[in-house]
N, C-alpha and C. Protein backbone atom coordinates (compact mmCIF):
# COMPACT_ATOMS: atom_id res chain seq x y z
N MET A 1 145.19 64.15 130.64
CA MET A 1 146.25 64.99 131.37
C MET A 1 147.52 64.44 131.28
N ASN A 2 148.27 65.01 130.34
CA ASN A 2 149.89 64.60 130.07
C ASN A 2 150.80 65.57 130.57
N ASP A 3 150.28 66.73 131.13
CA ASP A 3 151.27 67.81 131.60
C ASP A 3 151.79 67.38 132.88
N ARG A 4 153.10 67.31 132.92
CA ARG A 4 153.81 67.03 134.24
C ARG A 4 153.38 67.81 135.39
N LYS A 5 153.43 69.14 135.05
CA LYS A 5 153.10 70.06 136.00
C LYS A 5 151.77 69.81 136.54
N GLN A 6 150.69 69.74 135.90
CA GLN A 6 149.40 69.47 136.24
C GLN A 6 149.25 68.18 137.21
N ILE A 7 149.98 67.17 136.69
CA ILE A 7 149.99 65.99 137.63
C ILE A 7 150.50 66.20 138.84
N ALA A 8 151.64 66.95 138.80
CA ALA A 8 152.49 67.19 140.18
C ALA A 8 151.55 68.00 141.14
N GLU A 9 150.84 68.96 140.49
CA GLU A 9 149.88 69.96 141.30
C GLU A 9 148.82 69.07 141.86
N LEU A 10 148.29 68.07 141.22
CA LEU A 10 147.21 67.25 141.71
C LEU A 10 147.73 66.14 142.87
N VAL A 11 148.91 65.79 142.72
CA VAL A 11 149.67 64.89 143.68
C VAL A 11 149.98 65.59 144.94
N SER A 12 150.35 66.95 144.75
CA SER A 12 150.63 67.71 145.85
C SER A 12 149.57 68.01 146.60
N LYS A 13 148.50 68.27 146.05
CA LYS A 13 147.26 68.81 146.72
C LYS A 13 146.55 67.45 147.47
N HIS A 14 146.79 66.35 147.00
CA HIS A 14 146.43 65.18 147.66
C HIS A 14 147.30 65.03 148.79
N ILE A 15 148.76 65.17 148.69
CA ILE A 15 149.55 64.76 149.67
C ILE A 15 149.33 65.71 150.93
N ALA A 16 148.95 66.93 150.53
CA ALA A 16 148.63 67.88 151.62
C ALA A 16 147.34 67.56 152.39
N THR A 17 146.38 66.87 151.82
CA THR A 17 145.34 66.40 152.54
C THR A 17 145.59 65.21 153.38
N THR A 18 146.68 64.40 153.05
CA THR A 18 147.03 63.17 153.81
C THR A 18 147.85 63.45 154.94
N ILE A 19 148.86 64.58 154.77
CA ILE A 19 149.76 64.96 155.79
C ILE A 19 149.28 66.31 156.47
N PRO A 20 148.73 66.28 157.67
CA PRO A 20 148.15 67.32 158.24
C PRO A 20 149.15 68.68 158.29
N GLU A 21 150.56 68.24 158.71
CA GLU A 21 151.42 69.23 158.84
C GLU A 21 151.64 69.97 157.60
N LEU A 22 151.30 69.46 156.46
CA LEU A 22 151.51 70.15 155.11
C LEU A 22 150.39 70.81 154.65
N SER A 23 149.17 70.90 155.22
CA SER A 23 148.01 71.19 154.82
C SER A 23 147.86 72.68 154.53
N ASP A 24 148.76 73.63 155.28
CA ASP A 24 148.82 75.00 154.79
C ASP A 24 150.07 75.54 154.10
N GLN A 25 150.86 74.53 153.43
CA GLN A 25 151.83 74.98 152.81
C GLN A 25 152.09 74.07 151.47
N GLU A 26 152.87 74.53 150.57
CA GLU A 26 153.20 73.71 149.34
C GLU A 26 154.19 72.72 149.62
N VAL A 27 153.69 71.49 149.07
CA VAL A 27 154.48 70.36 149.26
C VAL A 27 155.77 70.24 148.47
N PRO A 28 156.97 70.44 148.99
CA PRO A 28 158.10 70.06 148.01
C PRO A 28 158.04 68.69 147.46
N GLU A 29 158.34 69.09 145.97
CA GLU A 29 158.23 67.78 145.12
C GLU A 29 159.33 66.76 145.40
N ASP A 30 160.44 67.19 145.87
CA ASP A 30 161.71 66.18 146.11
C ASP A 30 161.90 65.68 147.63
N LYS A 31 160.93 66.27 148.31
CA LYS A 31 161.07 65.96 149.91
C LYS A 31 160.60 64.64 150.06
N ASP A 32 161.44 63.92 150.98
CA ASP A 32 160.97 62.68 151.37
C ASP A 32 159.87 62.59 152.38
N LEU A 33 158.80 62.12 151.78
CA LEU A 33 157.37 62.28 152.59
C LEU A 33 157.46 61.43 153.84
N ARG A 34 158.40 60.50 154.07
CA ARG A 34 158.71 59.55 155.23
C ARG A 34 159.03 60.35 156.24
N GLU A 35 159.53 61.50 156.24
CA GLU A 35 159.88 62.52 157.32
C GLU A 35 158.70 63.19 157.89
N PHE A 36 157.61 62.93 157.33
CA PHE A 36 156.40 63.49 158.01
C PHE A 36 155.70 62.30 158.84
N ALA A 37 154.91 62.58 159.80
CA ALA A 37 154.37 61.61 160.65
C ALA A 37 153.18 61.16 160.00
N GLY A 38 152.56 62.13 159.19
CA GLY A 38 151.21 61.73 158.56
C GLY A 38 151.34 60.81 157.20
N PHE A 39 152.57 60.71 156.79
CA PHE A 39 152.97 59.63 155.80
C PHE A 39 153.17 58.44 156.35
N ASP A 40 152.23 57.84 157.28
CA ASP A 40 152.31 56.49 157.95
C ASP A 40 151.83 55.42 156.91
N SER A 41 151.63 54.26 157.34
CA SER A 41 151.13 52.94 156.33
C SER A 41 149.84 53.50 155.89
N LEU A 42 148.96 54.00 156.75
CA LEU A 42 147.62 54.27 156.27
C LEU A 42 147.69 55.46 155.22
N GLY A 43 148.63 56.54 155.40
CA GLY A 43 148.88 57.52 154.38
C GLY A 43 149.26 57.08 153.16
N ILE A 44 150.24 56.38 153.18
CA ILE A 44 150.82 55.78 151.98
C ILE A 44 149.79 54.88 151.34
N LEU A 45 148.96 54.17 151.83
CA LEU A 45 147.88 53.19 151.18
C LEU A 45 146.75 53.96 150.72
N GLU A 46 146.39 55.09 151.33
CA GLU A 46 145.50 56.05 150.72
C GLU A 46 145.93 56.76 149.57
N SER A 47 147.27 57.11 149.49
CA SER A 47 147.81 57.72 148.55
C SER A 47 147.96 56.85 147.32
N LEU A 48 148.23 55.63 147.46
CA LEU A 48 148.49 54.62 146.36
C LEU A 48 146.98 54.44 145.86
N VAL A 49 146.01 54.17 146.53
CA VAL A 49 144.52 53.88 146.07
C VAL A 49 144.11 55.14 145.26
N TRP A 50 144.43 56.35 145.84
CA TRP A 50 144.23 57.56 145.24
C TRP A 50 144.81 57.65 143.80
N LEU A 51 146.17 57.46 143.82
CA LEU A 51 146.85 57.45 142.51
C LEU A 51 146.24 56.52 141.53
N GLU A 52 145.97 55.37 141.83
CA GLU A 52 145.25 54.30 140.83
C GLU A 52 143.80 54.78 140.30
N SER A 53 143.16 55.37 141.26
CA SER A 53 141.76 55.84 141.02
C SER A 53 141.87 57.15 140.15
N GLU A 54 142.72 58.08 140.45
CA GLU A 54 142.64 59.40 139.83
C GLU A 54 143.44 59.30 138.35
N PHE A 55 144.36 58.51 138.26
CA PHE A 55 145.00 58.41 137.01
C PHE A 55 144.72 57.04 136.15
N GLY A 56 143.97 56.32 136.73
CA GLY A 56 143.80 55.05 135.79
C GLY A 56 144.70 54.10 135.66
N ILE A 57 145.63 53.98 136.62
CA ILE A 57 146.56 52.91 136.68
C ILE A 57 146.62 52.04 137.70
N THR A 58 147.25 50.93 137.43
CA THR A 58 147.23 49.81 138.44
C THR A 58 148.60 49.37 138.98
N ILE A 59 148.85 49.65 140.18
CA ILE A 59 150.08 49.28 140.75
C ILE A 59 150.21 47.81 141.28
N PRO A 60 151.00 47.03 140.44
CA PRO A 60 151.15 45.71 140.98
C PRO A 60 151.82 45.44 142.27
N ASP A 61 151.34 44.48 142.92
CA ASP A 61 151.66 44.09 144.30
C ASP A 61 153.51 44.34 144.47
N GLU A 62 154.20 43.67 143.42
CA GLU A 62 155.57 43.72 143.44
C GLU A 62 156.17 45.11 143.60
N GLU A 63 155.32 45.97 142.93
CA GLU A 63 155.99 47.56 143.01
C GLU A 63 155.37 48.35 144.20
N LEU A 64 154.84 47.55 145.12
CA LEU A 64 154.36 48.40 146.35
C LEU A 64 155.29 48.58 147.38
N THR A 65 156.10 49.45 147.03
CA THR A 65 157.43 49.71 148.10
C THR A 65 157.42 51.24 148.39
N VAL A 66 157.57 51.48 149.52
CA VAL A 66 157.55 53.13 150.01
C VAL A 66 158.61 53.69 149.15
N GLU A 67 159.85 53.13 148.91
CA GLU A 67 160.86 53.81 148.13
C GLU A 67 160.23 54.43 146.64
N LYS A 68 159.35 53.65 146.17
CA LYS A 68 159.03 54.02 144.72
C LYS A 68 158.09 55.09 144.97
N PHE A 69 157.58 55.37 146.08
CA PHE A 69 156.39 56.58 146.20
C PHE A 69 156.55 57.38 147.28
N SER A 70 157.93 57.60 147.71
CA SER A 70 158.32 58.35 148.81
C SER A 70 158.29 59.98 148.64
N SER A 71 158.21 60.39 147.47
CA SER A 71 158.18 61.83 147.16
C SER A 71 157.16 62.34 146.11
N VAL A 72 156.75 63.36 146.16
CA VAL A 72 155.78 63.68 144.87
C VAL A 72 156.49 63.49 143.51
N THR A 73 157.59 63.69 143.39
CA THR A 73 158.42 63.56 142.14
C THR A 73 158.36 62.15 141.65
N LYS A 74 158.65 61.23 142.66
CA LYS A 74 158.54 59.83 142.35
C LYS A 74 157.00 59.24 142.04
N MET A 75 156.21 59.71 142.63
CA MET A 75 154.69 59.43 142.40
C MET A 75 154.27 60.01 140.95
N VAL A 76 154.74 61.21 140.63
CA VAL A 76 154.45 61.74 139.39
C VAL A 76 155.25 60.99 138.15
N ASP A 77 156.40 60.78 138.45
CA ASP A 77 157.30 59.76 137.44
C ASP A 77 156.51 58.30 137.27
N TYR A 78 156.10 57.77 138.48
CA TYR A 78 155.45 56.65 138.26
C TYR A 78 154.18 56.74 137.41
N VAL A 79 153.32 57.55 137.61
CA VAL A 79 152.13 57.88 136.88
C VAL A 79 152.42 58.07 135.38
N ILE A 80 153.39 58.87 135.08
CA ILE A 80 153.67 59.18 133.86
C ILE A 80 154.27 57.94 133.00
N ASP A 81 155.22 57.23 133.77
CA ASP A 81 155.54 55.85 133.21
C ASP A 81 154.66 54.82 132.86
N HIS A 82 153.55 54.76 133.75
CA HIS A 82 152.54 53.74 133.85
C HIS A 82 151.05 54.14 133.13
N ARG A 83 151.02 55.23 132.56
CA ARG A 83 149.80 55.42 132.03
C ARG A 83 149.53 54.91 130.64
N GLY A 84 148.51 54.39 130.33
CA GLY A 84 148.32 53.81 128.95
C GLY A 84 147.99 54.86 127.87
């Protein structure tokens, strides 16, 4: 799957399951997810593990920063940039 829109839809759906307050609405792609209580350390960790599993990427420890994964757009960009 190389289509940015498809990747964004998958990531958005996952985020909606991670952040309860977004479960019944569309996740804005550029919204800083740190503004939601559900995007805590556990939510971030679950999302990173999910990204690795879903898209077959590995996120090196030195790149594990909240800033790199704080929005759907940033997650999608990371996946696109790091897929083999």
